[in-house]
C-alpha atoms as a PDB file:
ATOM      1  CA  MET A   1      35.605 143.211 227.582  1.00  0.00           C
ATOM      2  CA  THR A   2      33.010 144.201 230.256  1.00  0.00           C
ATOM      3  CA  SER A   3      31.146 140.951 229.605  1.00  0.00           C
ATOM      4  CA  ILE A   4      33.760 138.934 231.512  1.00  0.00           C
ATOM      5  CA  TYR A   5      33.078 141.132 234.555  1.00  0.00           C
ATOM      6  CA  SER A   6      29.338 140.823 234.231  1.00  0.00           C
ATOM      7  CA  PRO A   7      28.651 138.503 237.324  1.00  0.00           C
ATOM      8  CA  ALA A   8      30.992 140.760 239.538  1.00  0.00           C
ATOM      9  CA  ILE A   9      29.250 143.858 238.248  1.00  0.00           C
ATOM     10  CA  LEU A  10      25.897 142.366 239.164  1.00  0.00           C
ATOM     11  CA  LEU A  11      27.145 141.496 242.548  1.00  0.00           C
ATOM     12  CA  VAL A  12      28.356 145.122 243.117  1.00  0.00           C
ATOM     13  CA  LEU A  13      24.958 146.424 242.120  1.00  0.00           C
ATOM     14  CA  VAL A  14      23.277 143.909 244.548  1.00  0.00           C
ATOM     15  CA  SER A  15      25.669 145.281 247.212  1.00  0.00           C
ATOM     16  CA  LEU A  16      24.656 148.909 246.516  1.00  0.00           C
ATOM     17  CA  PHE A  17      20.996 147.997 246.659  1.00  0.00           C
ATOM     18  CA  CYS A  18      21.469 146.175 249.974  1.00  0.00           C
ATOM     19  CA  GLN A  19      23.200 149.198 251.491  1.00  0.00           C
ATOM     20  CA  GLN A  20      20.505 151.641 250.458  1.00  0.00           C
ATOM     21  CA  LEU A  21      17.596 149.257 251.234  1.00  0.00           C
ATOM     22  CA  GLY A  22      19.081 148.877 254.734  1.00  0.00           C
ATOM     23  CA  ALA A  23      19.220 152.609 255.183  1.00  0.00           C
ATOM     24  CA  SER A  24      15.596 152.986 253.951  1.00  0.00           C
ATOM     25  CA  ILE A  25      14.444 150.367 256.399  1.00  0.00           C
ATOM     26  CA  ALA A  26      16.361 152.133 259.129  1.00  0.00           C
ATOM     27  CA  VAL A  27      14.438 155.381 258.529  1.00  0.00           C
ATOM     28  CA  THR A  28      11.165 153.541 259.216  1.00  0.00           C
ATOM     29  CA  ILE A  29      12.105 152.917 262.782  1.00  0.00           C
ATOM     30  CA  TYR A  30      13.379 156.371 263.521  1.00  0.00           C
ATOM     31  CA  PRO A  31      10.174 157.300 265.446  1.00  0.00           C
ATOM     32  CA  GLU A  32      10.999 154.439 267.815  1.00  0.00           C
ATOM     33  CA  VAL A  33      14.727 154.665 268.336  1.00  0.00           C
ATOM     34  CA  ALA A  34      15.949 157.785 266.401  1.00  0.00           C
ATOM     35  CA  ALA A  35      19.000 157.867 264.099  1.00  0.00           C
ATOM     36  CA  GLN A  36      21.647 157.222 266.746  1.00  0.00           C
ATOM     37  CA  GLY A  37      19.763 154.155 267.991  1.00  0.00           C
ATOM     38  CA  VAL A  38      19.880 152.758 264.498  1.00  0.00           C
ATOM     39  CA  VAL A  39      23.634 153.501 264.088  1.00  0.00           C
ATOM     40  CA  ALA A  40      24.231 151.690 267.489  1.00  0.00           C
ATOM     41  CA  MET A  41      22.510 148.598 266.375  1.00  0.00           C
ATOM     42  CA  ARG A  42      24.137 148.637 262.874  1.00  0.00           C
ATOM     43  CA  PHE A  43      27.626 149.002 264.353  1.00  0.00           C
ATOM     44  CA  GLY A  44      27.125 146.604 267.238  1.00  0.00           C
ATOM     45  CA  PHE A  45      25.655 143.695 265.231  1.00  0.00           C
ATOM     46  CA  ALA A  46      27.974 144.322 262.196  1.00  0.00           C
ATOM     47  CA  ALA A  47      30.998 144.138 264.595  1.00  0.00           C
ATOM     48  CA  ILE A  48      29.837 140.864 265.967  1.00  0.00           C
ATOM     49  CA  LEU A  49      29.161 139.359 262.572  1.00  0.00           C
ATOM     50  CA  LEU A  50      32.492 140.548 261.077  1.00  0.00           C
ATOM     51  CA  LEU A  51      34.381 139.209 264.104  1.00  0.00           C
ATOM     52  CA  ILE A  52      32.709 135.868 263.690  1.00  0.00           C
ATOM     53  CA  PHE A  53      33.469 135.999 259.884  1.00  0.00           C
ATOM     54  CA  THR A  54      37.158 137.112 260.117  1.00  0.00           C
ATOM     55  CA  ARG A  55      38.234 135.590 263.449  1.00  0.00           C
ATOM     56  CA  PRO A  56      41.239 137.761 264.221  1.00  0.00           C
ATOM     57  CA  GLY A  57      43.333 135.682 266.599  1.00  0.00           C
ATOM     58  CA  TRP A  58      45.492 136.747 269.609  1.00  0.00           C
ATOM     59  CA  GLY A  59      48.579 136.400 267.284  1.00  0.00           C
ATOM     60  CA  THR A  60      47.142 139.059 265.077  1.00  0.00           C
ATOM     61  CA  LEU A  61      46.368 141.358 267.946  1.00  0.00           C
ATOM     62  CA  ARG A  62      49.830 140.861 269.438  1.00  0.00           C
ATOM     63  CA  SER A  63      51.533 141.559 266.192  1.00  0.00           C
ATOM     64  CA  MET A  64      49.946 144.932 265.880  1.00  0.00           C
ATOM     65  CA  ASP A  65      52.270 147.812 266.630  1.00  0.00           C
ATOM     66  CA  ARG A  66      51.421 151.463 267.509  1.00  0.00           C
ATOM     67  CA  ALA A  67      51.075 152.419 263.888  1.00  0.00           C
ATOM     68  CA  ALA A  68      48.586 149.589 263.220  1.00  0.00           C
ATOM     69  CA  TRP A  69      46.441 150.413 266.171  1.00  0.00           C
ATOM     70  CA  THR A  70      46.465 154.092 265.363  1.00  0.00           C
ATOM     71  CA  ALA A  71      45.220 153.259 261.793  1.00  0.00           C
ATOM     72  CA  VAL A  72      42.611 150.879 262.982  1.00  0.00           C
ATOM     73  CA  ILE A  73      41.348 153.361 265.709  1.00  0.00           C
ATOM     74  CA  GLY A  74      41.267 156.201 263.084  1.00  0.00           C
ATOM     75  CA  LEU A  75      39.309 154.024 260.644  1.00  0.00           C
ATOM     76  CA  GLY A  76      36.800 153.055 263.357  1.00  0.00           C
ATOM     77  CA  LEU A  77      36.209 156.665 264.531  1.00  0.00           C
ATOM     78  CA  THR A  78      35.871 157.815 260.952  1.00  0.00           C
ATOM     79  CA  MET A  79      33.431 155.107 260.082  1.00  0.00           C
ATOM     80  CA  ALA A  80      31.384 156.025 263.243  1.00  0.00           C
ATOM     81  CA  ALA A  81      31.306 159.666 262.456  1.00  0.00           C
ATOM     82  CA  MET A  82      30.378 158.997 258.778  1.00  0.00           C
ATOM     83  CA  ASN A  83      27.486 156.736 259.648  1.00  0.00           C
ATOM     84  CA  SER A  84      26.222 158.837 262.436  1.00  0.00           C
ATOM     85  CA  LEU A  85      26.063 162.018 260.208  1.00  0.00           C
ATOM     86  CA  ILE A  86      24.464 160.340 257.142  1.00  0.00           C
ATOM     87  CA  TYR A  87      21.832 158.657 259.301  1.00  0.00           C
ATOM     88  CA  GLU A  88      21.024 162.009 260.835  1.00  0.00           C
ATOM     89  CA  ALA A  89      20.666 163.534 257.327  1.00  0.00           C
ATOM     90  CA  PHE A  90      18.343 160.586 256.269  1.00  0.00           C
ATOM     91  CA  GLY A  91      15.997 161.860 258.938  1.00  0.00           C
ATOM     92  CA  ARG A  92      15.875 165.420 257.677  1.00  0.00           C
ATOM     93  CA  ILE A  93      16.274 165.337 253.932  1.00  0.00           C
ATOM     94  CA  PRO A  94      15.393 162.765 251.246  1.00  0.00           C
ATOM     95  CA  GLN A  95      17.748 159.805 251.124  1.00  0.00           C
ATOM     96  CA  GLY A  96      18.562 160.290 247.466  1.00  0.00           C
ATOM     97  CA  VAL A  97      19.637 163.918 248.131  1.00  0.00           C
ATOM     98  CA  ALA A  98      21.622 162.934 251.211  1.00  0.00           C
ATOM     99  CA  VAL A  99      23.625 160.314 249.294  1.00  0.00           C
ATOM    100  CA  THR A 100      24.139 162.753 246.414  1.00  0.00           C
ATOM    101  CA  LEU A 101      25.675 165.171 248.776  1.00  0.00           C
ATOM    102  CA  GLU A 102      27.665 162.387 250.431  1.00  0.00           C
ATOM    103  CA  VAL A 103      29.394 161.200 247.273  1.00  0.00           C
ATOM    104  CA  LEU A 104      30.857 164.684 246.946  1.00  0.00           C
ATOM    105  CA  GLY A 105      33.522 163.443 249.425  1.00  0.00           C
ATOM    106  CA  PRO A 106      35.157 160.790 247.237  1.00  0.00           C
ATOM    107  CA  LEU A 107      34.595 163.111 244.230  1.00  0.00           C
ATOM    108  CA  ALA A 108      36.565 165.951 245.804  1.00  0.00           C
ATOM    109  CA  LEU A 109      39.289 163.483 246.806  1.00  0.00           C
ATOM    110  CA  SER A 110      39.521 162.146 243.273  1.00  0.00           C
ATOM    111  CA  VAL A 111      39.704 165.554 241.740  1.00  0.00           C
ATOM    112  CA  ILE A 112      42.415 166.825 244.253  1.00  0.00           C
ATOM    113  CA  ALA A 113      44.427 163.662 243.866  1.00  0.00           C
ATOM    114  CA  GLY A 114      44.107 163.778 240.129  1.00  0.00           C
ATOM    115  CA  ARG A 115      45.657 167.288 239.790  1.00  0.00           C
ATOM    116  CA  ARG A 116      44.359 167.768 236.286  1.00  0.00           C
ATOM    117  CA  LEU A 117      42.666 170.643 234.638  1.00  0.00           C
ATOM    118  CA  ILE A 118      39.807 168.455 233.625  1.00  0.00           C
ATOM    119  CA  GLY A 119      39.136 168.138 237.337  1.00  0.00           C
ATOM    120  CA  LEU A 120      37.688 171.627 237.255  1.00  0.00           C
ATOM    121  CA  LEU A 121      34.995 170.391 234.800  1.00  0.00           C
ATOM    122  CA  TRP A 122      33.888 167.701 237.347  1.00  0.00           C
ATOM    123  CA  ALA A 123      33.955 170.170 240.100  1.00  0.00           C
ATOM    124  CA  GLY A 124      31.830 172.491 238.047  1.00  0.00           C
ATOM    125  CA  LEU A 125      29.293 169.765 237.179  1.00  0.00           C
ATOM    126  CA  SER A 126      28.982 168.885 240.834  1.00  0.00           C
ATOM    127  CA  LEU A 127      28.674 172.442 241.949  1.00  0.00           C
ATOM    128  CA  ALA A 128      25.815 173.012 239.336  1.00  0.00           C
ATOM    129  CA  GLY A 129      24.115 169.948 240.855  1.00  0.00           C
ATOM    130  CA  ILE A 130      24.385 171.436 244.381  1.00  0.00           C
ATOM    131  CA  VAL A 131      23.018 174.701 243.140  1.00  0.00           C
ATOM    132  CA  ILE A 132      20.010 172.983 241.616  1.00  0.00           C
ATOM    133  CA  LEU A 133      19.414 171.009 244.821  1.00  0.00           C
ATOM    134  CA  GLY A 134      19.451 174.220 246.905  1.00  0.00           C
ATOM    135  CA  ARG A 135      17.249 176.155 244.433  1.00  0.00           C
ATOM    136  CA  ASP A 136      14.500 176.567 247.160  1.00  0.00           C
ATOM    137  CA  GLY A 137      16.999 177.667 249.767  1.00  0.00           C
ATOM    138  CA  PHE A 138      18.168 175.813 252.838  1.00  0.00           C
ATOM    139  CA  ASP A 139      15.094 176.131 254.983  1.00  0.00           C
ATOM    140  CA  ALA A 140      13.450 173.265 256.972  1.00  0.00           C
ATOM    141  CA  ALA A 141      10.019 174.622 256.090  1.00  0.00           C
ATOM    142  CA  GLU A 142      10.294 175.058 252.362  1.00  0.00           C
ATOM    143  CA  GLY A 143      13.700 174.067 251.075  1.00  0.00           C
ATOM    144  CA  LEU A 144      16.224 171.519 252.272  1.00  0.00           C
ATOM    145  CA  ASP A 145      16.781 171.282 256.026  1.00  0.00           C
ATOM    146  CA  PRO A 146      20.101 172.998 256.612  1.00  0.00           C
ATOM    147  CA  VAL A 147      21.001 170.698 259.424  1.00  0.00           C
ATOM    148  CA  GLY A 148      20.361 167.745 257.103  1.00  0.00           C
ATOM    149  CA  VAL A 149      22.558 169.237 254.472  1.00  0.00           C
ATOM    150  CA  LEU A 150      25.412 169.982 256.846  1.00  0.00           C
ATOM    151  CA  CYS A 151      25.161 166.393 258.225  1.00  0.00           C
ATOM    152  CA  ALA A 152      25.366 164.921 254.607  1.00  0.00           C
ATOM    153  CA  LEU A 153      28.388 167.239 253.793  1.00  0.00           C
ATOM    154  CA  GLY A 154      30.016 166.194 257.059  1.00  0.00           C
ATOM    155  CA  ALA A 155      29.348 162.511 256.031  1.00  0.00           C
ATOM    156  CA  ALA A 156      31.032 163.347 252.608  1.00  0.00           C
ATOM    157  CA  ALA A 157      34.191 164.582 254.382  1.00  0.00           C
ATOM    158  CA  CYS A 158      34.201 161.517 256.526  1.00  0.00           C
ATOM    159  CA  TRP A 159      33.829 159.218 253.422  1.00  0.00           C
ATOM    160  CA  ALA A 160      36.948 160.822 251.903  1.00  0.00           C
ATOM    161  CA  GLY A 161      38.619 160.270 255.271  1.00  0.00           C
ATOM    162  CA  PHE A 162      37.426 156.591 255.229  1.00  0.00           C
ATOM    163  CA  ILE A 163      39.058 156.027 251.941  1.00  0.00           C
ATOM    164  CA  LEU A 164      42.418 157.355 253.248  1.00  0.00           C
ATOM    165  CA  THR A 165      42.306 155.575 256.676  1.00  0.00           C
ATOM    166  CA  ASN A 166      41.082 152.321 255.056  1.00  0.00           C
ATOM    167  CA  GLN A 167      44.105 152.349 252.782  1.00  0.00           C
ATOM    168  CA  ARG A 168      46.355 153.001 255.729  1.00  0.00           C
ATOM    169  CA  ALA A 169      44.751 150.219 257.884  1.00  0.00           C
ATOM    170  CA  GLY A 170      44.999 147.880 254.934  1.00  0.00           C
ATOM    171  CA  ARG A 171      48.776 148.205 254.835  1.00  0.00           C
ATOM    172  CA  HIS A 172      48.832 146.870 258.428  1.00  0.00           C
ATOM    173  CA  LEU A 173      46.084 144.381 258.358  1.00  0.00           C
ATOM    174  CA  PRO A 174      45.289 142.976 254.882  1.00  0.00           C
ATOM    175  CA  GLY A 175      41.805 141.644 254.230  1.00  0.00           C
ATOM    176  CA  VAL A 176      38.839 142.612 256.247  1.00  0.00           C
ATOM    177  CA  GLN A 177      40.407 141.921 259.676  1.00  0.00           C
ATOM    178  CA  GLY A 178      41.343 145.546 260.153  1.00  0.00           C
ATOM    179  CA  LEU A 179      37.736 146.518 259.102  1.00  0.00           C
ATOM    180  CA  ALA A 180      36.308 144.101 261.718  1.00  0.00           C
ATOM    181  CA  LEU A 181      38.421 145.595 264.440  1.00  0.00           C
ATOM    182  CA  ALA A 182      37.622 149.081 263.258  1.00  0.00           C
ATOM    183  CA  MET A 183      33.928 148.288 263.506  1.00  0.00           C
ATOM    184  CA  VAL A 184      34.464 147.159 267.043  1.00  0.00           C
ATOM    185  CA  ILE A 185      36.254 150.515 267.777  1.00  0.00           C
ATOM    186  CA  GLY A 186      33.328 152.425 266.157  1.00  0.00           C
ATOM    187  CA  SER A 187      30.710 150.464 268.148  1.00  0.00           C
ATOM    188  CA  LEU A 188      32.476 151.496 271.469  1.00  0.00           C
ATOM    189  CA  GLY A 189      31.438 155.007 270.578  1.00  0.00           C
ATOM    190  CA  THR A 190      28.158 154.555 268.790  1.00  0.00           C
ATOM    191  CA  VAL A 191      26.415 151.978 271.155  1.00  0.00           C
ATOM    192  CA  PRO A 192      26.547 154.059 274.349  1.00  0.00           C
ATOM    193  CA  ILE A 193      25.225 157.137 272.366  1.00  0.00           C
ATOM    194  CA  GLY A 194      22.435 155.038 270.833  1.00  0.00           C
ATOM    195  CA  PHE A 195      21.338 153.728 274.200  1.00  0.00           C
ATOM    196  CA  ALA A 196      21.581 157.194 275.678  1.00  0.00           C
ATOM    197  CA  THR A 197      19.309 158.408 272.838  1.00  0.00           C
ATOM    198  CA  ALA A 198      16.864 155.557 272.518  1.00  0.00           C
ATOM    199  CA  GLY A 199      16.951 153.865 275.955  1.00  0.00           C
ATOM    200  CA  THR A 200      15.255 150.619 276.446  1.00  0.00           C
ATOM    201  CA  ALA A 201      13.332 150.964 273.150  1.00  0.00           C
ATOM    202  CA  LEU A 202      16.461 149.305 271.526  1.00  0.00           C
ATOM    203  CA  LEU A 203      15.751 146.186 273.606  1.00  0.00           C
ATOM    204  CA  GLN A 204      12.353 145.453 271.983  1.00  0.00           C
ATOM    205  CA  PRO A 205      12.539 142.127 270.074  1.00  0.00           C
ATOM    206  CA  TRP A 206      11.160 143.473 266.832  1.00  0.00           C
ATOM    207  CA  VAL A 207      13.559 146.398 266.982  1.00  0.00           C
ATOM    208  CA  LEU A 208      16.542 144.098 267.623  1.00  0.00           C
ATOM    209  CA  ALA A 209      15.434 141.828 264.721  1.00  0.00           C
ATOM    210  CA  LEU A 210      15.370 144.854 262.421  1.00  0.00           C
ATOM    211  CA  GLY A 211      18.739 145.976 263.720  1.00  0.00           C
ATOM    212  CA  VAL A 212      20.213 142.690 262.785  1.00  0.00           C
ATOM    213  CA  GLY A 213      18.657 142.891 259.324  1.00  0.00           C
ATOM    214  CA  ILE A 214      20.029 146.519 258.916  1.00  0.00           C
ATOM    215  CA  ALA A 215      23.493 145.366 259.964  1.00  0.00           C
ATOM    216  CA  VAL A 216      23.546 142.498 257.538  1.00  0.00           C
ATOM    217  CA  LEU A 217      22.091 144.538 254.626  1.00  0.00           C
ATOM    218  CA  SER A 218      24.196 147.788 255.168  1.00  0.00           C
ATOM    219  CA  SER A 219      27.443 146.235 256.412  1.00  0.00           C
ATOM    220  CA  ALA A 220      28.126 142.494 256.565  1.00  0.00           C
ATOM    221  CA  LEU A 221      26.770 141.510 253.209  1.00  0.00           C
ATOM    222  CA  PRO A 222      28.161 144.464 251.199  1.00  0.00           C
ATOM    223  CA  TYR A 223      31.587 144.064 252.747  1.00  0.00           C
ATOM    224  CA  GLY A 224      31.549 140.318 251.885  1.00  0.00           C
ATOM    225  CA  ILE A 225      30.586 141.078 248.358  1.00  0.00           C
ATOM    226  CA  GLU A 226      33.246 143.721 248.085  1.00  0.00           C
ATOM    227  CA  MET A 227      35.939 141.394 249.278  1.00  0.00           C
ATOM    228  CA  HIS A 228      34.813 138.796 246.757  1.00  0.00           C
ATOM    229  CA  THR A 229      34.318 141.022 243.692  1.00  0.00           C
ATOM    230  CA  LEU A 230      37.589 143.086 244.077  1.00  0.00           C
ATOM    231  CA  ARG A 231      39.499 139.851 243.476  1.00  0.00           C
ATOM    232  CA  THR A 232      38.366 139.845 239.824  1.00  0.00           C
ATOM    233  CA  LEU A 233      36.964 143.345 239.162  1.00  0.00           C
ATOM    234  CA  PRO A 234      39.322 146.244 238.435  1.00  0.00           C
ATOM    235  CA  ALA A 235      39.225 148.830 241.082  1.00  0.00           C
ATOM    236  CA  SER A 236      38.416 151.553 238.615  1.00  0.00           C
ATOM    237  CA  LEU A 237      35.396 149.729 237.311  1.00  0.00           C
ATOM    238  CA  PHE A 238      34.332 149.038 240.877  1.00  0.00           C
ATOM    239  CA  ALA A 239      34.569 152.824 241.638  1.00  0.00           C
ATOM    240  CA  MET A 240      32.520 153.716 238.649  1.00  0.00           C
ATOM    241  CA  ILE A 241      29.665 151.429 239.691  1.00  0.00           C
ATOM    242  CA  THR A 242      29.610 152.855 243.217  1.00  0.00           C
ATOM    243  CA  CYS A 243      29.106 156.271 241.608  1.00  0.00           C
ATOM    244  CA  LEU A 244      25.505 155.071 241.056  1.00  0.00           C
ATOM    245  CA  SER A 245      24.836 155.175 244.731  1.00  0.00           C
ATOM    246  CA  PRO A 246      22.604 158.231 244.563  1.00  0.00           C
ATOM    247  CA  VAL A 247      20.399 156.587 241.900  1.00  0.00           C
ATOM    248  CA  VAL A 248      20.050 153.383 243.952  1.00  0.00           C
ATOM    249  CA  ALA A 249      19.325 155.396 247.112  1.00  0.00           C
ATOM    250  CA  THR A 250      16.490 157.291 245.272  1.00  0.00           C
ATOM    251  CA  LEU A 251      14.922 154.138 243.943  1.00  0.00           C
ATOM    252  CA  SER A 252      15.162 152.492 247.437  1.00  0.00           C
ATOM    253  CA  ALA A 253      13.624 155.567 249.176  1.00  0.00           C
ATOM    254  CA  LEU A 254      10.861 155.686 246.517  1.00  0.00           C
ATOM    255  CA  VAL A 255       9.911 152.008 247.095  1.00  0.00           C
ATOM    256  CA  VAL A 256      10.279 151.827 250.907  1.00  0.00           C
ATOM    257  CA  LEU A 257       9.689 155.421 252.048  1.00  0.00           C
ATOM    258  CA  ARG A 258       7.522 156.749 249.234  1.00  0.00           C
ATOM    259  CA  GLN A 259       9.951 159.625 248.859  1.00  0.00           C
ATOM    260  CA  GLN A 260       9.518 161.343 245.358  1.00  0.00           C
ATOM    261  CA  LEU A 261      11.973 163.809 243.986  1.00  0.00           C
ATOM    262  CA  GLU A 262      11.075 166.505 241.483  1.00  0.00           C
ATOM    263  CA  ALA A 263      12.605 166.713 237.983  1.00  0.00           C
ATOM    264  CA  PRO A 264      15.221 169.347 238.883  1.00  0.00           C
ATOM    265  CA  ASP A 265      16.428 167.116 241.713  1.00  0.00           C
ATOM    266  CA  LEU A 266      16.929 164.260 239.320  1.00  0.00           C
ATOM    267  CA  VAL A 267      18.772 166.484 237.018  1.00  0.00           C
ATOM    268  CA  ALA A 268      20.954 167.680 239.851  1.00  0.00           C
ATOM    269  CA  MET A 269      21.612 164.034 240.851  1.00  0.00           C
ATOM    270  CA  ALA A 270      22.590 163.248 237.263  1.00  0.00           C
ATOM    271  CA  LEU A 271      25.146 166.037 237.087  1.00  0.00           C
ATOM    272  CA  VAL A 272      26.783 164.772 240.381  1.00  0.00           C
ATOM    273  CA  VAL A 273      26.801 161.201 239.093  1.00  0.00           C
ATOM    274  CA  ALA A 274      28.281 162.306 235.782  1.00  0.00           C
ATOM    275  CA  ALA A 275      30.978 164.237 237.689  1.00  0.00           C
ATOM    276  CA  CYS A 276      31.879 161.231 239.689  1.00  0.00           C
ATOM    277  CA  LEU A 277      32.091 158.927 236.675  1.00  0.00           C
ATOM    278  CA  GLY A 278      34.267 161.499 234.890  1.00  0.00           C
ATOM    279  CA  ALA A 279      36.544 161.929 237.838  1.00  0.00           C
ATOM    280  CA  VAL A 280      37.025 158.179 238.129  1.00  0.00           C
ATOM    281  CA  ARG A 281      37.754 157.806 234.487  1.00  0.00           C
ATOM    282  CA  SER A 282      40.203 160.662 234.463  1.00  0.00           C
ATOM    283  CA  SER A 283      42.023 159.459 237.477  1.00  0.00           C
ATOM    284  CA  ASN A 284      42.802 156.161 235.755  1.00  0.00           C
ATOM    285  CA  ARG A 285      44.333 157.697 232.649  1.00  0.00           C
ATOM    286  CA  PRO A 286      48.061 158.421 232.532  1.00  0.00           C
ATOM    287  CA  ALA A 287      48.871 162.077 232.843  1.00  0.00           C
ATOM    288  CA  HIS A 288      51.504 161.867 230.055  1.00  0.00           C
ATOM    289  CA  PRO A 289      50.559 159.103 227.640  1.00  0.00           C
ATOM    290  CA  ALA A 290      53.449 157.576 225.664  1.00  0.00           C
END
């Protein structure tokens, strides 16, 4: 059965790799432009690319009522907060650990929405993973940087909010037009902050070139792949594949940033990934089977 979805599954894995590769490359220019400078470039260039791709016309904009604009603005602000927080986390804790903490947002949303006793098992597995990750304490010198952990957990909450606001925006603007407009809204907040943080360093040609590459890898290309694959791939299977984000992030950080995690960290990551997979599978089973 899964074989008929093999091309789509491969595309989703490519999308995950592109997202995390873009994040790893972004960390390499932190000394030059800092985290918020990278976020500014990612949002600015991604907004331009998505607007060119989707081309929302004046008719679309005029047809949007107050509820539609509220949904799009909420989505844009949520995306801006999520990316700002996770990129700050990347500068303080290993990328694989940060993404492992970030996926707790969708996991918690799935467990709460499922309202099943088995959800306690997935919550327990993820909690065990967090305990292992924090075994050395939350200290910038010896353990995990507490600010980085808080930023990753904040990004997790924003990711859950992104899922809800994206569904709401999708009811008003089907396709990726709502996402393109939300990216523009997000760029209105992130670009000024990025320039205030990095200044004219953002205008260096090589920095701008990397910024375009990061926007393509982390935003434009994954969104395009997602729009294509969800036409044929069941949403539940898509969600299960995205549960592998921490694994892909760890591999990307290992290759690009030379970040190596210890065996207990990998065990913790495996527990969180298993909890995510279990929660997704449970949420797609009927509560009272016939």
